[in-house]
Amino acid sequence: MGDGATFSDVPSENVVASISSDPAPVASDRRTRKREARRDHLLDLAADLVETHGIEGLTMAALAEAADYATASLYTYFPSRSSLVSALQTRALVALGSVAAEAVADWDARIAEDVAPSVGALARLWAFGETFLAAPIRHPREFQLQQRLLVTDGGQDAEDLGAVVGAAMAVLREPQRLLADAVVVGALDRAAAAVDPIGELADGDLVRTISWVVALNGALLTDGLVVGLPMTGALLGREITAALLVGWGADPQELAAARAVAEEWPER
């Protein structure tokens, strides 16, 4: 679409089916699907811009040019640049969260009946760590986008950041549940009480979850260092996972058995 076009010029957005037994709902559903598809396409283009030019290069004008839309038309999809950045980050988080949820369901189905509950719980935790460490290869766009936004101020306002935080917390639910389950079956010690930045009691399993995920993300960031380390980020991440689990009470022999179990499962 050229710069002189208006939103009403977007093809098919306002077209109503002329022949239908109940045309209004059919046309409405079609418009909704087309609008969602266009929004996803715009987010794909936005991800391309971030990948090429960094988060600073993602502007409404740049996206309009990439999409061949009038800039004003974009505001019907994203009210502001802040909402665009948040939508992009939220979509990536939802995608990564879906991978984790599907993986956990698969692991639950694969646990053999003769595997001790504590070993099974540790195997799930080890497998989650491996899934996280494989994300840069198996889900590069989503993962790299999250890394960029972690270290760059995207300029989001408080409301839009709140949506991102909600999506991030949803992603953390799976590892948090795995850690809590490991405590229940005695594979890990109970987490000590913690206090959040405003002085409120924080869930110990959530504190462990955030500590673990942040540590793994930091390990993967080392792959981008100009001066290379004598190990990969994934290898460093495995050392971190093993140290944390043992530090939280895992028996080293049970952890070794759990690793053997997890290594038999398909990579996610």
Protein backbone atom coordinates (compact mmCIF):
# COMPACT_ATOMS: atom_id res chain seq x y z
CA MET A 1 0.00 0.00 0.00
CA GLY A 2 1.34 3.41 -0.87
CA ASP A 3 1.73 6.27 1.60
CA GLY A 4 -1.37 7.98 0.22
CA ALA A 5 -3.59 5.02 1.00
CA THR A 6 -5.90 4.83 3.97
CA PHE A 7 -6.91 1.90 6.16
CA SER A 8 -10.13 1.56 4.19
CA ASP A 9 -7.95 0.74 1.16
CA VAL A 10 -6.60 -2.41 2.81
CA PRO A 11 -7.96 -5.20 0.60
CA SER A 12 -10.86 -7.35 1.82
CA GLU A 13 -10.88 -5.87 5.32
CA ASN A 14 -14.31 -4.30 4.87
CA VAL A 15 -15.81 -6.67 2.29
CA VAL A 16 -19.05 -8.38 3.37
CA ALA A 17 -20.08 -11.64 1.78
CA SER A 18 -23.06 -11.08 -0.51
CA ILE A 19 -24.38 -14.64 -0.56
CA SER A 20 -24.84 -16.51 2.70
CA SER A 21 -27.65 -17.99 4.73
CA ASP A 22 -26.47 -15.79 7.59
CA PRO A 23 -24.03 -13.35 5.98
CA ALA A 24 -23.18 -11.04 8.90
CA PRO A 25 -21.50 -13.63 11.19
CA VAL A 26 -19.71 -15.26 8.26
CA ALA A 27 -18.33 -11.94 7.05
CA SER A 28 -17.36 -10.95 10.57
CA ASP A 29 -15.44 -14.21 11.11
CA ARG A 30 -13.70 -13.79 7.77
CA ARG A 31 -12.66 -10.23 8.58
CA THR A 32 -11.41 -11.30 11.99
CA ARG A 33 -9.29 -14.08 10.51
CA LYS A 34 -7.87 -11.78 7.86
CA ARG A 35 -7.12 -9.10 10.41
CA GLU A 36 -5.34 -11.59 12.69
CA ALA A 37 -3.34 -12.88 9.73
CA ARG A 38 -2.31 -9.32 8.80
CA ARG A 39 -1.35 -8.60 12.40
CA ASP A 40 0.82 -11.74 12.50
CA HIS A 41 2.43 -10.73 9.22
CA LEU A 42 3.19 -7.28 10.64
CA LEU A 43 4.79 -8.91 13.68
CA ASP A 44 6.88 -11.10 11.36
CA LEU A 45 8.10 -7.97 9.58
CA ALA A 46 8.75 -6.29 12.93
CA ALA A 47 10.87 -9.27 14.00
CA ASP A 48 12.82 -8.95 10.75
CA LEU A 49 13.52 -5.30 11.52
CA VAL A 50 14.74 -6.12 15.03
CA GLU A 51 16.93 -8.90 13.69
CA THR A 52 18.49 -6.57 11.10
CA HIS A 53 18.56 -3.20 12.83
CA GLY A 54 18.13 -3.94 16.53
CA ILE A 55 15.26 -2.84 18.72
CA GLU A 56 16.15 0.80 18.05
CA GLY A 57 15.42 0.24 14.36
CA LEU A 58 11.86 -0.89 15.03
CA THR A 59 9.74 2.21 14.46
CA MET A 60 6.22 2.61 13.16
CA ALA A 61 7.59 4.36 10.08
CA ALA A 62 10.07 1.57 9.38
CA LEU A 63 7.39 -1.07 9.77
CA ALA A 64 5.01 0.86 7.51
CA GLU A 65 7.68 0.98 4.83
CA ALA A 66 8.45 -2.73 5.17
CA ALA A 67 4.74 -3.61 4.99
CA ASP A 68 3.94 -1.06 2.25
CA TYR A 69 1.25 0.40 4.49
CA ALA A 70 0.43 3.96 5.33
CA THR A 71 1.83 4.60 8.81
CA ALA A 72 -1.61 5.62 10.06
CA SER A 73 -2.97 2.19 9.12
CA LEU A 74 -0.58 0.49 11.54
CA TYR A 75 -2.17 2.26 14.48
CA THR A 76 -5.36 0.26 13.95
CA TYR A 77 -3.31 -2.85 14.82
CA PHE A 78 -0.90 -1.37 17.36
CA PRO A 79 -1.93 1.86 19.15
CA SER A 80 1.72 2.80 19.75
CA ARG A 81 5.28 1.67 19.24
CA SER A 82 5.20 0.51 22.85
CA SER A 83 2.28 -1.81 22.14
CA LEU A 84 4.04 -3.09 18.99
CA VAL A 85 7.20 -4.00 20.91
CA SER A 86 5.15 -5.61 23.67
CA ALA A 87 3.07 -7.61 21.17
CA LEU A 88 6.25 -8.84 19.52
CA GLN A 89 7.77 -9.89 22.83
CA THR A 90 4.54 -11.45 24.08
CA ARG A 91 4.16 -13.53 20.92
CA ALA A 92 7.70 -14.86 21.29
CA LEU A 93 7.10 -15.70 24.95
CA VAL A 94 3.84 -17.50 24.16
CA ALA A 95 5.60 -19.54 21.47
CA LEU A 96 8.41 -20.54 23.85
CA GLY A 97 5.90 -21.28 26.58
CA SER A 98 3.97 -23.59 24.25
CA VAL A 99 7.16 -25.50 23.49
CA ALA A 100 7.80 -25.97 27.22
CA ALA A 101 4.23 -27.06 27.97
CA GLU A 102 4.19 -29.59 25.13
CA ALA A 103 7.58 -30.93 26.21
CA VAL A 104 6.50 -31.42 29.82
CA ALA A 105 3.36 -33.26 28.71
CA ASP A 106 5.51 -35.52 26.54
CA TRP A 107 7.94 -36.24 29.38
CA ASP A 108 5.09 -37.05 31.74
CA ALA A 109 3.87 -39.64 29.25
CA ARG A 110 7.34 -41.16 28.82
CA ILE A 111 8.21 -41.73 32.48
CA ALA A 112 8.45 -45.49 32.95
CA GLU A 113 6.60 -47.07 35.84
CA ASP A 114 9.82 -48.55 37.23
CA VAL A 115 11.51 -45.13 37.51
CA ALA A 116 11.59 -43.87 41.09
CA PRO A 117 9.46 -40.72 41.60
CA SER A 118 12.49 -38.71 42.72
CA VAL A 119 14.50 -39.76 39.66
CA GLY A 120 11.55 -39.02 37.39
CA ALA A 121 11.17 -35.54 38.90
CA LEU A 122 14.87 -34.80 38.40
CA ALA A 123 14.72 -36.20 34.85
CA ARG A 124 11.98 -33.70 33.99
CA LEU A 125 14.06 -30.87 35.42
CA TRP A 126 17.15 -31.97 33.51
CA ALA A 127 15.13 -32.26 30.30
CA PHE A 128 13.75 -28.76 30.81
CA GLY A 129 17.27 -27.41 31.16
CA GLU A 130 18.26 -29.16 27.94
CA THR A 131 15.20 -27.75 26.15
CA PHE A 132 16.09 -24.24 27.29
CA LEU A 133 19.71 -24.62 26.18
CA ALA A 134 18.59 -25.90 22.76
CA ALA A 135 16.23 -22.97 22.17
CA PRO A 136 18.76 -20.79 20.30
CA ILE A 137 19.07 -23.56 17.70
CA ARG A 138 15.53 -24.95 17.59
CA HIS A 139 13.64 -21.67 18.08
CA PRO A 140 16.22 -19.04 17.10
CA ARG A 141 13.98 -16.11 16.24
CA GLU A 142 11.88 -16.23 19.41
CA PHE A 143 14.84 -16.86 21.67
CA GLN A 144 17.14 -14.26 20.15
CA LEU A 145 14.36 -11.70 20.29
CA GLN A 146 14.01 -12.31 24.01
CA GLN A 147 17.75 -11.94 24.51
CA ARG A 148 17.76 -8.62 22.63
CA LEU A 149 14.86 -7.25 24.62
CA LEU A 150 16.39 -8.38 27.92
CA VAL A 151 19.41 -6.14 27.38
CA THR A 152 17.76 -3.28 25.46
CA ASP A 153 15.15 -0.80 26.65
CA GLY A 154 12.26 -1.18 24.22
CA GLY A 155 10.59 2.00 25.41
CA GLN A 156 7.37 0.28 26.52
CA ASP A 157 4.98 2.03 28.87
CA ALA A 158 3.88 0.47 32.15
CA GLU A 159 0.65 -1.06 30.83
CA ASP A 160 2.36 -2.73 27.89
CA LEU A 161 5.18 -3.97 30.10
CA GLY A 162 2.56 -5.48 32.38
CA ALA A 163 1.29 -7.61 29.50
CA VAL A 164 4.83 -8.82 28.80
CA VAL A 165 5.42 -9.65 32.46
CA GLY A 166 2.20 -11.67 32.48
CA ALA A 167 3.35 -13.66 29.45
CA ALA A 168 6.78 -14.19 31.01
CA MET A 169 5.26 -15.47 34.25
CA ALA A 170 3.15 -17.90 32.24
CA VAL A 171 6.33 -19.28 30.66
CA LEU A 172 7.88 -19.73 34.11
CA ARG A 173 4.94 -21.81 35.37
CA GLU A 174 6.24 -25.03 33.83
CA PRO A 175 9.72 -25.02 35.43
CA GLN A 176 8.20 -23.70 38.65
CA ARG A 177 5.78 -26.63 38.73
CA LEU A 178 8.59 -29.08 37.97
CA LEU A 179 10.63 -27.72 40.87
CA ALA A 180 7.63 -27.86 43.22
CA ASP A 181 6.87 -31.45 42.17
CA ALA A 182 10.49 -32.40 42.87
CA VAL A 183 10.12 -31.06 46.41
CA VAL A 184 6.91 -33.03 46.95
CA VAL A 185 8.55 -36.37 46.06
CA GLY A 186 11.68 -35.61 48.07
CA ALA A 187 14.04 -35.10 45.14
CA LEU A 188 14.81 -31.54 46.31
CA ASP A 189 14.75 -29.83 49.69
CA ARG A 190 11.98 -27.35 50.33
CA ALA A 191 12.86 -23.86 49.18
CA ALA A 192 13.65 -21.34 51.92
CA ALA A 193 11.37 -18.35 52.32
CA ALA A 194 12.43 -15.30 50.32
CA VAL A 195 11.50 -11.63 50.34
CA ASP A 196 10.78 -9.67 47.15
CA PRO A 197 12.03 -6.11 46.45
CA ILE A 198 9.02 -4.52 48.15
CA GLY A 199 9.39 -6.58 51.31
CA GLU A 200 6.68 -9.16 50.59
CA LEU A 201 7.20 -12.89 50.99
CA ALA A 202 8.02 -14.53 47.66
CA ASP A 203 7.32 -18.08 46.60
CA GLY A 204 10.53 -20.05 47.09
CA ASP A 205 9.95 -22.23 44.02
CA LEU A 206 9.45 -19.10 41.91
CA VAL A 207 12.70 -17.62 43.22
CA ARG A 208 14.48 -20.84 42.29
CA THR A 209 12.83 -20.80 38.87
CA ILE A 210 13.90 -17.25 38.07
CA SER A 211 17.42 -17.90 39.38
CA TRP A 212 17.74 -20.97 37.16
CA VAL A 213 16.31 -19.41 34.00
CA VAL A 214 18.37 -16.23 34.36
CA ALA A 215 21.51 -18.30 34.95
CA LEU A 216 20.86 -20.43 31.85
CA ASN A 217 20.17 -17.35 29.76
CA GLY A 218 23.43 -15.83 30.99
CA ALA A 219 25.29 -19.00 30.06
CA LEU A 220 23.93 -18.81 26.51
CA LEU A 221 24.88 -15.15 26.24
CA THR A 222 28.54 -16.16 26.63
CA ASP A 223 28.41 -17.66 23.13
CA GLY A 224 28.30 -14.08 21.83
CA LEU A 225 31.42 -12.89 23.62
CA VAL A 226 34.10 -11.45 21.36
CA VAL A 227 36.75 -13.34 23.31
CA GLY A 228 35.60 -16.95 23.27
CA LEU A 229 35.50 -19.18 26.34
CA PRO A 230 36.94 -22.72 26.34
CA MET A 231 33.38 -24.11 26.47
CA THR A 232 30.00 -23.51 24.88
CA GLY A 233 27.08 -21.78 26.54
CA ALA A 234 25.18 -25.08 26.53
CA LEU A 235 27.99 -26.89 28.34
CA LEU A 236 28.19 -24.08 30.88
CA GLY A 237 24.40 -24.25 31.28
CA ARG A 238 24.54 -27.96 32.07
CA GLU A 239 27.13 -27.32 34.77
CA ILE A 240 24.90 -24.60 36.21
CA THR A 241 21.84 -26.86 36.22
CA ALA A 242 23.72 -29.70 37.92
CA ALA A 243 25.19 -27.36 40.55
CA LEU A 244 21.84 -25.73 41.30
CA LEU A 245 19.95 -29.02 41.62
CA VAL A 246 22.57 -30.51 43.93
CA GLY A 247 22.64 -27.28 45.91
CA TRP A 248 18.87 -27.48 46.29
CA GLY A 249 19.15 -30.97 47.74
CA ALA A 250 19.32 -33.41 44.81
CA ASP A 251 21.25 -36.61 45.48
CA PRO A 252 24.16 -36.74 42.99
CA GLN A 253 23.56 -40.42 42.20
CA GLU A 254 19.86 -39.85 41.60
CA LEU A 255 20.71 -36.86 39.41
CA ALA A 256 23.08 -39.03 37.34
CA ALA A 257 20.30 -41.61 36.91
CA ALA A 258 17.87 -38.85 35.98
CA ARG A 259 20.22 -37.51 33.31
CA ALA A 260 20.40 -41.00 31.78
CA VAL A 261 16.60 -41.17 31.70
CA ALA A 262 16.23 -37.70 30.17
CA GLU A 263 18.83 -38.40 27.49
CA GLU A 264 16.58 -41.17 26.13
CA TRP A 265 13.82 -38.64 25.40
CA PRO A 266 13.57 -36.85 22.04
CA GLU A 267 15.04 -33.36 21.89
CA ARG A 268 12.51 -30.56 21.85
